[in-house]
Protein backbone atom coordinates (compact mmCIF):
# COMPACT_ATOMS: atom_id res chain seq x y z
CA MET A 1 34.19 -4.56 0.01
CA TYR A 2 37.12 -4.72 -2.02
CA ASP A 3 40.87 -3.17 -1.20
CA ASP A 4 42.20 -0.35 -3.22
CA GLU A 5 44.46 -2.43 -5.09
CA ASP A 6 41.79 -5.03 -6.05
CA LEU A 7 39.47 -1.96 -7.34
CA GLU A 8 42.44 -0.44 -9.50
CA SER A 9 43.08 -3.91 -10.89
CA ILE A 10 39.20 -4.06 -11.87
CA ARG A 11 39.28 -0.62 -13.08
CA GLU A 12 42.15 -1.51 -15.53
CA ALA A 13 40.65 -4.76 -16.42
CA THR A 14 37.52 -2.96 -17.38
CA GLU A 15 39.20 -0.37 -19.56
CA GLU A 16 40.85 -3.18 -21.51
CA TRP A 17 37.49 -4.93 -21.90
CA GLU A 18 35.80 -1.89 -23.26
CA GLU A 19 38.76 -1.16 -25.85
CA GLU A 20 39.39 -4.76 -27.05
CA THR A 21 35.88 -6.46 -26.74
CA LEU A 22 33.34 -3.90 -26.31
CA ASP A 23 34.30 -1.33 -28.63
CA PRO A 24 34.68 -3.30 -31.85
CA VAL A 25 31.10 -4.81 -31.27
CA LEU A 26 29.59 -1.34 -30.77
CA GLU A 27 31.25 -0.15 -33.95
CA ARG A 28 29.70 -3.09 -36.02
CA HIS A 29 26.28 -3.50 -34.40
CA GLY A 30 25.76 -0.94 -32.25
CA GLU A 31 23.00 -1.28 -29.20
CA ARG A 32 19.23 -1.48 -29.49
CA GLN A 33 18.99 2.28 -28.16
CA ASP A 34 20.99 5.33 -27.41
CA ARG A 35 19.75 5.19 -23.68
CA PHE A 36 18.59 2.70 -21.18
CA ALA A 37 16.34 3.70 -18.26
CA THR A 38 13.75 2.33 -15.85
CA VAL A 39 10.09 2.86 -15.86
CA SER A 40 11.00 5.56 -13.53
CA ASN A 41 13.40 7.15 -16.02
CA LEU A 42 16.44 6.25 -13.79
CA GLU A 43 19.17 5.56 -16.17
CA VAL A 44 21.17 2.30 -16.00
CA ASP A 45 24.70 1.41 -16.81
CA ARG A 46 25.60 -1.28 -19.13
CA LEU A 47 27.59 -3.23 -16.75
CA TYR A 48 28.07 -2.98 -13.16
CA THR A 49 31.53 -4.12 -11.53
CA PRO A 50 32.82 -3.84 -7.81
CA ASP A 51 33.88 -0.31 -8.58
CA ASP A 52 30.22 0.70 -8.70
CA VAL A 53 29.93 -0.58 -4.99
CA ALA A 54 33.33 0.74 -4.13
CA ASP A 55 32.01 2.38 -0.88
CA LEU A 56 29.67 -0.16 0.21
CA ASP A 57 30.37 -1.48 3.76
CA TYR A 58 29.14 -5.10 3.97
CA LEU A 59 28.48 -5.04 7.76
CA GLU A 60 27.29 -1.44 7.80
CA ASP A 61 25.23 -1.33 4.77
CA LEU A 62 24.08 -4.85 4.30
CA GLY A 63 24.38 -6.84 7.42
CA PHE A 64 22.60 -10.17 7.90
CA PRO A 65 18.77 -10.90 7.55
CA GLY A 66 16.97 -10.14 10.58
CA GLU A 67 19.40 -7.55 11.76
CA GLU A 68 19.79 -4.00 11.18
CA PRO A 69 19.69 -2.33 8.67
CA TYR A 70 17.33 -5.18 7.41
CA THR A 71 18.63 -4.28 3.89
CA ARG A 72 18.78 -8.11 3.22
CA GLY A 73 15.22 -8.63 4.89
CA PRO A 74 13.43 -8.16 8.26
CA TYR A 75 13.56 -11.78 9.37
CA PRO A 76 16.55 -14.10 9.29
CA THR A 77 15.11 -17.27 7.44
CA MET A 78 12.40 -15.30 5.39
CA TYR A 79 10.59 -17.54 3.35
CA ARG A 80 12.36 -20.89 4.45
CA GLY A 81 10.38 -20.13 7.58
CA ARG A 82 7.00 -19.48 5.92
CA THR A 83 6.04 -17.86 2.67
CA TRP A 84 4.49 -14.32 2.43
CA THR A 85 0.93 -14.13 2.99
CA MET A 86 -0.97 -14.47 -0.12
CA ARG A 87 -3.63 -11.53 0.36
CA GLN A 88 -5.74 -11.15 -2.63
CA PHE A 89 -7.96 -8.14 -2.80
CA ALA A 90 -11.78 -8.74 -2.96
CA GLY A 91 -15.08 -7.22 -2.77
CA PHE A 92 -18.04 -6.68 -4.98
CA GLY A 93 -21.95 -5.99 -4.62
CA THR A 94 -23.52 -6.64 -1.20
CA ALA A 95 -21.84 -8.59 2.05
CA GLU A 96 -23.38 -11.82 0.74
CA GLU A 97 -21.59 -11.87 -2.42
CA THR A 98 -18.31 -10.73 -0.99
CA ASN A 99 -18.67 -13.30 2.08
CA GLU A 100 -19.15 -16.05 -1.02
CA ARG A 101 -15.76 -14.73 -2.48
CA PHE A 102 -13.85 -14.81 0.81
CA HIS A 103 -14.91 -18.34 1.40
CA TYR A 104 -13.92 -19.41 -2.35
CA LEU A 105 -10.32 -17.72 -1.69
CA ILE A 106 -9.76 -19.33 1.37
CA ASP A 107 -10.62 -22.72 -0.06
CA GLU A 108 -8.31 -22.11 -3.08
CA GLY A 109 -5.56 -21.67 -0.51
CA GLN A 110 -5.42 -17.80 0.46
CA THR A 111 -3.68 -17.04 3.64
CA GLY A 112 -5.15 -13.55 4.24
CA LEU A 113 -8.45 -11.67 3.42
CA SER A 114 -8.22 -8.25 2.09
CA THR A 115 -11.45 -6.11 1.80
CA ALA A 116 -12.09 -3.87 -1.13
CA PHE A 117 -15.12 -1.44 -0.40
CA ASP A 118 -17.49 0.47 -2.53
CA MET A 119 -17.19 4.34 -3.25
CA PRO A 120 -19.73 5.36 -0.92
CA THR A 121 -18.44 3.35 1.97
CA LEU A 122 -14.83 4.75 1.27
CA MET A 123 -16.19 8.17 1.27
CA GLY A 124 -18.25 7.61 4.38
CA LEU A 125 -21.61 7.83 2.80
CA ASP A 126 -24.59 5.46 3.36
CA SER A 127 -26.09 3.61 0.20
CA ASP A 128 -29.24 5.63 0.67
CA ASP A 129 -27.35 9.04 0.23
CA PRO A 130 -28.25 10.80 -3.02
CA MET A 131 -24.45 10.84 -3.88
CA SER A 132 -24.41 7.28 -3.77
CA GLN A 133 -26.88 6.63 -6.53
CA GLY A 134 -25.38 4.24 -9.07
CA GLU A 135 -22.07 3.44 -6.98
CA VAL A 136 -23.45 0.98 -4.66
CA GLY A 137 -21.50 -2.11 -4.66
CA LYS A 138 -19.98 -1.34 -7.88
CA GLU A 139 -16.27 -1.22 -7.25
CA GLY A 140 -16.39 -3.25 -3.77
CA VAL A 141 -18.52 -4.02 -1.14
CA ALA A 142 -21.16 -1.80 0.39
CA VAL A 143 -20.94 -1.73 4.28
CA ASP A 144 -23.43 0.75 6.00
CA THR A 145 -23.74 -0.69 9.35
CA LEU A 146 -22.56 -3.40 11.69
CA ARG A 147 -25.30 -5.84 10.07
CA ASP A 148 -23.29 -5.67 6.82
CA MET A 149 -20.01 -6.73 8.81
CA GLU A 150 -21.77 -9.60 10.48
CA ILE A 151 -22.73 -10.90 7.05
CA LEU A 152 -19.43 -10.14 5.63
CA PHE A 153 -17.57 -12.32 7.92
CA ASP A 154 -20.10 -15.18 8.47
CA GLY A 155 -18.65 -18.25 9.01
CA ILE A 156 -14.92 -16.73 9.46
CA ASP A 157 -13.41 -17.10 12.73
CA LEU A 158 -11.64 -13.83 13.40
CA GLU A 159 -9.16 -15.38 15.73
CA GLU A 160 -7.96 -17.70 12.89
CA ILE A 161 -7.63 -15.23 10.04
CA SER A 162 -5.91 -11.93 9.30
CA THR A 163 -7.78 -9.23 7.30
CA SER A 164 -6.69 -6.27 5.52
CA PHE A 165 -9.11 -3.19 5.28
CA THR A 166 -8.33 -0.85 2.24
CA ILE A 167 -10.24 2.38 3.37
CA ASN A 168 -9.09 5.74 4.48
CA PRO A 169 -11.36 8.60 5.44
CA SER A 170 -13.93 6.24 7.22
CA ALA A 171 -11.46 3.61 8.25
CA PRO A 172 -11.87 4.31 12.04
CA VAL A 173 -15.62 3.24 11.47
CA ILE A 174 -14.74 0.05 9.74
CA TYR A 175 -12.22 -0.86 12.33
CA ALA A 176 -14.69 -0.02 15.07
CA MET A 177 -16.98 -2.51 13.27
CA TYR A 178 -14.41 -5.20 13.13
CA VAL A 179 -13.75 -4.73 17.01
CA ALA A 180 -17.28 -4.84 17.81
CA LEU A 181 -17.89 -8.05 15.42
CA ALA A 182 -14.95 -9.64 17.58
CA ASP A 183 -16.62 -8.80 20.70
CA GLN A 184 -19.81 -10.52 19.26
CA GLN A 185 -17.80 -13.64 18.38
CA GLY A 186 -16.21 -13.84 21.85
CA VAL A 187 -12.88 -13.37 20.34
CA PRO A 188 -10.61 -11.26 22.74
CA ARG A 189 -9.47 -8.05 21.23
CA GLU A 190 -5.86 -8.70 21.71
CA LYS A 191 -6.12 -11.92 19.47
CA ILE A 192 -7.48 -10.03 16.23
CA ARG A 193 -5.14 -9.63 13.36
CA GLY A 194 -5.16 -7.52 10.42
CA THR A 195 -4.43 -4.27 8.79
CA LEU A 196 -6.10 -1.06 8.43
CA GLN A 197 -5.10 1.26 5.84
CA ASN A 198 -5.92 4.49 7.57
CA ASP A 199 -3.41 6.66 5.77
CA MET A 200 -4.70 10.16 5.11
CA PHE A 201 -1.40 11.91 3.98
CA LYS A 202 -1.54 9.77 0.97
CA GLU A 203 -5.01 10.76 0.35
CA PHE A 204 -4.34 14.57 0.30
CA ILE A 205 -0.91 13.56 -1.95
CA ALA A 206 -2.62 11.30 -4.25
CA GLN A 207 -5.63 9.27 -4.07
CA LYS A 208 -7.88 12.29 -3.31
CA GLU A 209 -10.47 10.92 -0.90
CA TRP A 210 -11.17 12.94 2.28
CA VAL A 211 -14.19 14.20 4.32
CA ILE A 212 -12.47 16.56 6.71
CA PRO A 213 -9.13 18.78 6.45
CA PRO A 214 -5.62 17.29 6.78
CA GLU A 215 -5.00 18.00 10.50
CA PRO A 216 -8.33 16.76 12.10
CA SER A 217 -7.93 13.64 9.78
CA LEU A 218 -4.42 13.16 11.14
CA ASP A 219 -5.93 13.54 14.80
CA LEU A 220 -8.40 10.76 13.99
CA VAL A 221 -5.48 8.61 12.37
CA THR A 222 -3.58 9.01 15.51
CA ASP A 223 -6.92 8.08 17.48
CA VAL A 224 -6.93 4.71 15.86
CA VAL A 225 -2.86 4.33 16.64
CA GLU A 226 -3.50 5.07 20.29
CA PHE A 227 -6.73 3.01 20.66
CA SER A 228 -5.05 -0.14 18.80
CA THR A 229 -1.98 0.17 20.87
CA GLU A 230 -4.00 -0.45 24.12
CA GLU A 231 -6.97 -2.68 22.59
CA THR A 232 -5.74 -4.78 19.48
CA PRO A 233 -1.96 -5.19 19.84
CA LYS A 234 -1.57 -7.75 17.04
CA PHE A 235 -3.60 -5.31 14.58
CA HIS A 236 -1.87 -2.73 12.52
CA PRO A 237 -3.35 0.48 12.89
CA ILE A 238 -1.97 2.16 9.71
CA SER A 239 -0.67 0.66 6.45
CA VAL A 240 0.99 3.66 5.15
CA SER A 241 0.40 3.32 1.51
CA GLY A 242 2.89 4.32 -1.51
CA TYR A 243 0.69 2.17 -3.73
CA HIS A 244 -1.56 4.95 -4.85
CA ILE A 245 1.15 7.45 -4.78
CA ARG A 246 2.85 5.38 -7.58
CA GLU A 247 -0.55 4.66 -9.44
CA ALA A 248 -1.03 8.49 -9.61
CA GLY A 249 2.14 8.58 -11.83
CA SER A 250 5.01 9.13 -9.26
CA THR A 251 8.49 7.66 -10.00
CA ALA A 252 9.65 4.80 -7.68
CA VAL A 253 11.99 7.20 -5.88
CA GLN A 254 8.93 9.47 -5.15
CA GLU A 255 6.85 6.55 -3.93
CA LEU A 256 9.32 5.49 -1.42
CA ALA A 257 10.00 8.94 -0.32
CA PHE A 258 6.65 10.15 0.02
CA THR A 259 5.62 7.08 1.75
CA LEU A 260 8.30 6.84 4.05
CA ALA A 261 7.73 10.76 4.81
CA ASP A 262 4.06 9.79 5.65
CA GLY A 263 5.10 6.96 8.15
CA PHE A 264 7.54 9.37 9.96
CA GLY A 265 4.96 12.17 10.06
CA TYR A 266 2.42 9.69 12.01
CA VAL A 267 5.27 8.54 14.03
CA GLU A 268 5.91 12.18 15.07
CA ASP A 269 2.18 12.51 15.68
CA ALA A 270 1.82 9.78 17.86
CA ILE A 271 5.21 11.03 19.91
CA ASP A 272 3.52 14.52 20.39
CA ARG A 273 0.34 12.75 21.69
CA GLY A 274 2.61 11.08 24.33
CA LEU A 275 2.78 7.46 22.87
CA ASP A 276 6.05 5.66 23.51
CA VAL A 277 7.72 5.02 20.14
CA ASP A 278 8.58 1.65 20.95
CA GLU A 279 5.05 0.88 21.93
CA PHE A 280 3.26 1.83 18.69
CA ALA A 281 5.79 1.79 15.97
CA PRO A 282 6.38 -2.39 15.88
CA ARG A 283 2.87 -2.28 14.48
CA LEU A 284 3.18 0.25 11.78
CA SER A 285 2.87 -1.49 8.24
CA PHE A 286 3.87 -0.16 4.70
CA PHE A 287 2.31 -0.84 1.53
CA PHE A 288 4.11 -0.41 -1.73
CA ASN A 289 3.55 -0.89 -5.60
CA CYS A 290 5.52 -3.09 -7.55
CA HIS A 291 5.92 -1.98 -11.14
CA ASN A 292 7.78 -3.59 -14.34
CA SER A 293 11.46 -2.44 -13.71
CA PHE A 294 12.59 -5.61 -12.18
CA PHE A 295 15.89 -4.55 -10.56
CA GLU A 296 14.58 -1.00 -9.63
CA GLU A 297 11.58 -2.40 -7.62
CA ILE A 298 14.04 -4.91 -5.92
CA ALA A 299 16.32 -2.00 -4.94
CA LYS A 300 13.68 0.15 -3.65
CA TYR A 301 12.35 -2.36 -0.98
CA ARG A 302 15.91 -3.03 -0.02
CA ALA A 303 16.72 0.85 0.28
CA ALA A 304 13.30 1.12 2.27
CA ARG A 305 14.39 -1.14 4.87
CA ARG A 306 17.74 0.51 5.34
CA ILE A 307 16.48 4.07 5.45
CA TYR A 308 13.54 3.33 7.82
CA ALA A 309 16.01 1.49 10.26
CA ARG A 310 18.25 4.36 10.32
CA VAL A 311 15.77 7.26 10.42
CA MET A 312 13.69 5.53 13.45
CA ASP A 313 16.96 5.17 15.38
CA ASP A 314 18.53 8.65 14.55
CA TRP A 315 15.57 10.84 14.62
CA TYR A 316 12.94 9.31 16.51
CA GLY A 317 15.17 7.06 19.32
CA ALA A 318 13.59 4.10 18.51
CA GLU A 319 15.31 1.07 20.43
CA LYS A 320 13.47 -2.04 19.76
CA ALA A 321 14.44 -3.98 16.93
CA GLU A 322 10.77 -4.24 15.97
CA SER A 323 10.41 -0.58 15.94
CA LYS A 324 13.24 -0.21 13.21
CA ARG A 325 12.06 -3.22 11.02
CA LEU A 326 10.17 -2.06 8.22
CA LYS A 327 7.41 -4.60 6.90
CA PHE A 328 5.30 -4.02 3.93
CA HIS A 329 2.68 -5.56 1.92
CA THR A 330 3.09 -5.41 -2.13
CA GLN A 331 0.59 -4.89 -4.84
CA THR A 332 1.22 -5.51 -8.36
CA ALA A 333 0.81 -2.35 -10.64
CA GLY A 334 -2.81 -1.75 -11.43
CA GLN A 335 -1.60 1.47 -13.60
CA SER A 336 0.53 -1.29 -15.90
CA LEU A 337 -2.32 -3.44 -16.87
CA THR A 338 -3.83 -2.99 -19.98
CA ALA A 339 -7.16 -3.50 -21.61
CA GLN A 340 -5.64 -4.18 -24.92
CA GLN A 341 -4.62 -8.03 -25.10
CA PRO A 342 -5.56 -8.44 -21.28
CA LEU A 343 -3.55 -11.91 -21.22
CA ASN A 344 -0.63 -10.19 -21.41
CA ASN A 345 -1.28 -8.81 -17.84
CA VAL A 346 -0.50 -12.28 -16.66
CA VAL A 347 3.16 -11.82 -17.66
CA ARG A 348 3.38 -8.42 -16.27
CA VAL A 349 1.85 -9.34 -12.94
CA THR A 350 4.23 -12.65 -12.64
CA ILE A 351 7.40 -10.23 -13.21
CA GLN A 352 6.09 -7.87 -10.80
CA ALA A 353 5.26 -10.26 -8.13
CA LEU A 354 8.64 -12.00 -8.63
CA ALA A 355 10.44 -8.66 -7.85
CA GLY A 356 8.11 -8.19 -4.85
CA VAL A 357 9.41 -11.63 -3.47
CA LEU A 358 12.79 -11.23 -4.49
CA GLY A 359 12.62 -7.73 -2.76
CA GLY A 360 11.36 -9.17 0.55
CA THR A 361 7.82 -8.62 0.69
CA GLN A 362 5.78 -9.89 3.65
CA SER A 363 2.23 -9.97 1.95
CA LEU A 364 1.32 -9.72 -1.81
CA HIS A 365 -1.43 -9.19 -3.68
CA THR A 366 -1.55 -10.12 -7.39
CA ASN A 367 -3.63 -8.09 -9.77
CA SER A 368 -5.93 -10.18 -12.26
CA PHE A 369 -5.60 -9.99 -15.83
CA ASP A 370 -9.05 -8.43 -16.47
CA GLU A 371 -8.76 -5.63 -14.02
CA ALA A 372 -8.30 -3.09 -16.72
CA LEU A 373 -11.99 -3.91 -17.80
CA ALA A 374 -13.75 -4.84 -14.68
CA LEU A 375 -13.69 -6.08 -11.41
CA PRO A 376 -11.68 -9.44 -11.47
CA SER A 377 -13.90 -12.67 -12.50
CA GLU A 378 -13.67 -15.98 -10.37
CA LYS A 379 -11.32 -17.42 -13.10
CA ALA A 380 -8.94 -14.28 -13.33
CA VAL A 381 -8.82 -14.29 -9.59
CA ARG A 382 -7.74 -18.06 -9.66
CA VAL A 383 -4.94 -17.31 -12.01
CA ALA A 384 -3.56 -14.56 -10.06
CA LEU A 385 -3.52 -16.47 -6.84
CA ARG A 386 -1.95 -19.43 -8.78
CA THR A 387 0.75 -17.04 -9.92
CA GLN A 388 1.91 -16.48 -6.33
CA GLN A 389 1.57 -20.24 -5.42
CA ILE A 390 3.76 -21.04 -8.37
CA ILE A 391 6.59 -18.45 -7.47
CA ALA A 392 6.23 -19.93 -3.99
CA ASP A 393 6.37 -23.73 -4.63
CA GLU A 394 8.02 -24.27 -8.02
CA SER A 395 10.23 -21.48 -8.69
CA GLY A 396 12.84 -21.89 -5.93
CA VAL A 397 13.51 -18.44 -5.51
CA ALA A 398 11.81 -18.56 -1.83
CA ASP A 399 14.55 -21.17 -0.77
CA ILE A 400 17.61 -18.35 -0.56
CA VAL A 401 17.54 -15.51 1.75
CA ASP A 402 17.89 -12.34 -0.30
CA PRO A 403 19.47 -14.11 -3.58
CA MET A 404 19.86 -10.72 -5.07
CA GLY A 405 22.37 -9.42 -2.31
CA GLY A 406 25.65 -8.84 -3.71
CA SER A 407 24.80 -8.26 -7.22
CA PHE A 408 26.82 -5.27 -8.44
CA ALA A 409 23.72 -3.87 -10.17
CA VAL A 410 21.13 -4.26 -7.44
CA GLU A 411 23.54 -3.01 -4.58
CA ALA A 412 24.42 0.08 -6.96
CA LEU A 413 20.77 0.75 -7.56
CA THR A 414 19.87 0.11 -3.95
CA ASP A 415 22.43 3.04 -2.89
CA GLU A 416 21.17 5.44 -5.60
CA THR A 417 17.64 4.97 -4.35
CA GLU A 418 18.66 5.56 -0.73
CA GLN A 419 20.47 8.69 -1.70
CA ARG A 420 17.89 10.20 -4.05
CA THR A 421 15.14 9.34 -1.22
CA MET A 422 16.89 10.77 1.50
CA ARG A 423 17.12 14.09 -0.60
CA TYR A 424 13.49 14.19 -0.66
CA LEU A 425 12.98 13.48 3.00
CA GLU A 426 15.56 16.19 4.14
CA GLU A 427 13.71 18.63 1.77
CA ILE A 428 10.16 17.66 3.19
CA ARG A 429 11.61 17.87 6.66
CA ASP A 430 13.21 21.42 5.91
CA MET A 431 9.83 22.54 4.80
CA GLY A 432 8.44 21.76 8.29
CA ASP A 433 11.23 23.50 10.17
CA GLY A 434 12.74 20.04 11.33
CA SER A 435 9.36 18.29 11.25
CA VAL A 436 8.39 15.75 8.72
CA ARG A 437 4.74 16.12 9.85
CA ASP A 438 4.63 19.76 9.44
CA GLY A 439 6.66 19.60 6.26
CA ILE A 440 3.86 17.18 4.73
CA LEU A 441 1.10 19.40 6.04
CA GLN A 442 2.84 22.41 4.38
CA GLY A 443 3.33 20.29 1.15
CA ILE A 444 -0.34 19.20 1.02
CA ASP A 445 -1.06 23.21 1.15
CA ASP A 446 1.34 24.33 -1.04
CA GLY A 447 0.78 21.61 -3.76
CA TYR A 448 4.27 20.41 -3.69
CA PHE A 449 3.26 16.64 -4.12
CA LEU A 450 1.03 17.28 -6.56
CA ARG A 451 3.43 19.08 -8.62
CA GLU A 452 6.23 16.49 -8.27
CA ILE A 453 3.77 13.63 -9.15
CA GLN A 454 2.08 15.45 -12.37
CA GLU A 455 5.61 16.20 -13.53
CA ALA A 456 6.72 12.54 -13.47
CA SER A 457 3.37 11.33 -14.95
CA TYR A 458 3.78 13.58 -17.76
CA GLU A 459 7.24 12.89 -18.73
CA TYR A 460 6.30 9.22 -18.51
CA GLN A 461 3.18 9.51 -20.81
CA GLU A 462 5.61 11.72 -23.31
CA ARG A 463 7.87 8.64 -23.28
CA VAL A 464 5.29 6.26 -24.05
CA GLU A 465 3.93 8.57 -26.92
CA ARG A 466 7.31 8.73 -28.41
CA GLU A 467 7.63 4.96 -28.17
CA GLU A 468 10.67 5.33 -26.22
CA GLU A 469 8.85 3.40 -23.38
CA VAL A 470 7.21 0.25 -24.84
CA VAL A 471 3.82 -1.08 -23.67
CA VAL A 472 3.49 -4.33 -25.36
CA GLY A 473 0.11 -4.32 -27.26
CA VAL A 474 -0.58 -0.90 -26.88
CA ASN A 475 2.21 1.22 -28.75
CA LYS A 476 3.91 -1.87 -29.98
CA TYR A 477 2.90 -5.48 -31.19
CA THR A 478 -0.61 -4.39 -31.51
CA LEU A 479 -3.65 -6.38 -32.69
CA GLU A 480 -6.86 -5.46 -34.67
CA GLU A 481 -9.13 -8.38 -33.33
CA ASP A 482 -11.11 -7.96 -29.99
CA THR A 483 -9.07 -9.70 -27.23
CA SER A 484 -11.63 -8.93 -24.48
CA PRO A 485 -12.44 -11.68 -22.05
CA ASP A 486 -15.59 -12.41 -20.42
CA ILE A 487 -15.73 -10.15 -17.33
CA LEU A 488 -17.67 -9.90 -14.04
CA GLN A 489 -21.08 -8.40 -14.18
CA ILE A 490 -22.44 -6.78 -10.81
CA ASP A 491 -26.18 -7.85 -10.48
CA GLU A 492 -28.16 -4.70 -11.18
CA THR A 493 -30.36 -5.42 -7.99
CA THR A 494 -27.18 -5.10 -5.80
CA GLU A 495 -28.31 -1.36 -4.78
CA GLU A 496 -31.91 -2.29 -4.31
CA ARG A 497 -30.99 -5.10 -2.01
CA GLN A 498 -28.63 -3.16 0.02
CA LEU A 499 -30.90 -0.22 0.51
CA ALA A 500 -33.56 -2.82 1.86
CA ARG A 501 -31.23 -3.88 4.33
CA LEU A 502 -30.10 -0.61 5.48
CA GLU A 503 -34.02 0.22 6.11
CA ASP A 504 -34.75 -2.86 7.78
CA VAL A 505 -31.74 -2.02 10.39
CA LYS A 506 -32.93 1.44 10.67
CA ALA A 507 -36.43 0.15 11.44
CA ASP A 508 -35.24 -2.47 13.75
CA ARG A 509 -32.65 -0.45 16.13
CA ASP A 510 -33.27 1.67 19.03
CA ASP A 511 -33.11 5.27 17.89
CA ASP A 512 -32.79 6.71 21.23
CA ALA A 513 -29.57 4.61 21.52
CA VAL A 514 -28.06 5.77 18.38
CA GLU A 515 -28.71 9.17 18.96
CA ASP A 516 -27.17 8.87 22.64
CA ALA A 517 -24.12 7.21 20.87
CA LEU A 518 -23.75 9.89 18.42
CA ASP A 519 -24.05 12.64 21.13
CA GLU A 520 -21.26 11.10 23.27
CA LEU A 521 -19.26 11.01 20.19
CA GLN A 522 -19.62 14.64 19.57
CA ALA A 523 -18.70 15.43 23.15
CA ALA A 524 -15.78 13.45 23.10
CA ILE A 525 -14.71 15.52 19.99
CA ASP A 526 -15.47 18.78 21.70
CA ARG A 527 -13.31 17.52 24.83
CA GLY A 528 -10.29 16.48 22.56
CA GLU A 529 -10.68 13.01 23.57
CA ASN A 530 -9.66 9.71 21.64
CA THR A 531 -12.78 9.21 19.77
CA MET A 532 -12.43 5.47 18.92
CA PRO A 533 -14.28 3.95 22.00
CA TYR A 534 -17.13 6.23 21.09
CA ILE A 535 -17.25 5.19 17.51
CA VAL A 536 -17.30 1.41 18.85
CA ASP A 537 -20.20 2.34 20.97
CA ALA A 538 -21.79 3.74 18.25
CA VAL A 539 -21.53 0.92 15.62
CA LYS A 540 -22.77 -1.31 18.42
CA ALA A 541 -26.08 0.67 18.38
CA TYR A 542 -26.17 0.22 14.76
CA ALA A 543 -25.48 3.80 13.67
CA THR A 544 -24.78 3.96 10.04
CA MET A 545 -21.35 4.94 8.42
CA GLY A 546 -22.89 8.23 7.11
CA GLU A 547 -24.17 9.23 10.71
CA ILE A 548 -21.19 8.55 12.33
CA MET A 549 -18.78 10.47 9.59
CA GLN A 550 -21.36 13.43 9.86
CA VAL A 551 -20.52 13.97 13.49
CA PHE A 552 -16.84 14.55 12.21
CA GLU A 553 -17.79 16.66 9.28
CA ASP A 554 -20.05 18.85 11.54
CA ALA A 555 -17.32 19.34 13.96
CA HIS A 556 -14.41 20.10 11.63
CA GLY A 557 -16.04 21.14 8.40
CA ALA A 558 -15.63 19.57 5.02
CA TYR A 559 -12.46 19.98 3.40
CA SER A 560 -13.76 20.60 -0.28
CA GLU A 561 -15.65 23.66 1.38
CA GLU A 562 -12.23 24.68 2.89
CA ILE A 563 -10.60 24.81 -0.30
CA GLY A 564 -13.31 26.32 -2.52
CA LEU A 565 -14.30 23.16 -4.38
CA ALA A 566 -17.78 22.90 -3.01
């Protein structure tokens, strides 16, 4: 962006500034510490100048919002057109209780729903399974059958609301229930909007929730992509999730690299299935973490868009702009929340949310200040939502498209993040002999991703222990008194009430119809067909979550048995 003569003048002026202005101050006072780095331990310079972005080509590397390579944003007007979707994560107890929280959030101004499920539902287990005891409704809402879904969305028009579902091994069943519910409400399938996480690569890499082995899990993910392309064109069949990779302890670059790799792996699998990249790719979405290092996070999002646009074009031959336009949801960092002095988390969340907005997110969840202690209380949820609303309506940051664009520091960090991320992507591709998908599968088997994340997590914790990384209220500025707020308590009768409803559903349903539907699902697996139409039929017969997932486990075996953990 500067010619050689200008750059040489800037270098000379920088050297003069260092000698005459900076060095005398350093000799007298020094600096707070010898080395400055991000949360990911990426070293940052004292000062950035045009010399740090000397190789930057404005039109090639930045361009304009809404145009390739989308560094400055996926849409030309960004938040001047409309603000990001404020999508607060919610779910606890039974469907009735979560439905009440949904209505509360909508009344308070939330513009999209995001559903949290309890551990049995996440793992494809019914509430009456012996392994579910003590976990029903504790960390999310319990959903066993279509009856629960009917109650969960009672009074909510699926044509008017966009709903996100954070669920993975059993994601196809939840998606089938949502499709069946739309059919019940008379909402055309092509009009339902929402996002299914459905990211199984991430589970084997970081979060560790699975039922069947990686390859059949990938087949099931692609079944959803194929079905949704034909039946629910406004619904996002995968939210490729870096959030949990970061929560497991990765660096920002690892989060970005492994997430993009997962996305490209799904693209390759869908193409191998015979799908046209420009038919399904526009509905792929991504989900990133936002941690405390403000500029690192902004740079991460900008680099993500640029890499995605170029790779989708160069590696996969995408032609439509929508196929190369990376869109993502952001959640503030749960890992950063502290049980000590929990009100400090309001500040952390605000900083993180602001970074997400300045990085160009399409939707945002702000964590509640009490989440290190329990599921969010109503008061804490309201503060979290108000944080977004204040950023949107009072701060002015939503009034300028990509206000960080052109910052020497941010552009230099964006370039460095891109370069480091591409090195990881090429390494994964090499592991798969030219296939990112095969490289991921190989890396899962070899423990590659686990080792990379463990090393980063260990290194970070060492810095916290040495107090090189300050965590306010934990290793500095501590207090002796108890600062715990009132927290949400889950009704002890939740499990009992959920089990009673499940028993009633089983008593009322047509058992022969359930058996027939499950047999048809098994036959579809045996024939190698797309299983989604058969899962929809099964949930409409009120087959349970556990009954449906058991068919897949019987067909493919449990992954824990395969790796000797059973």
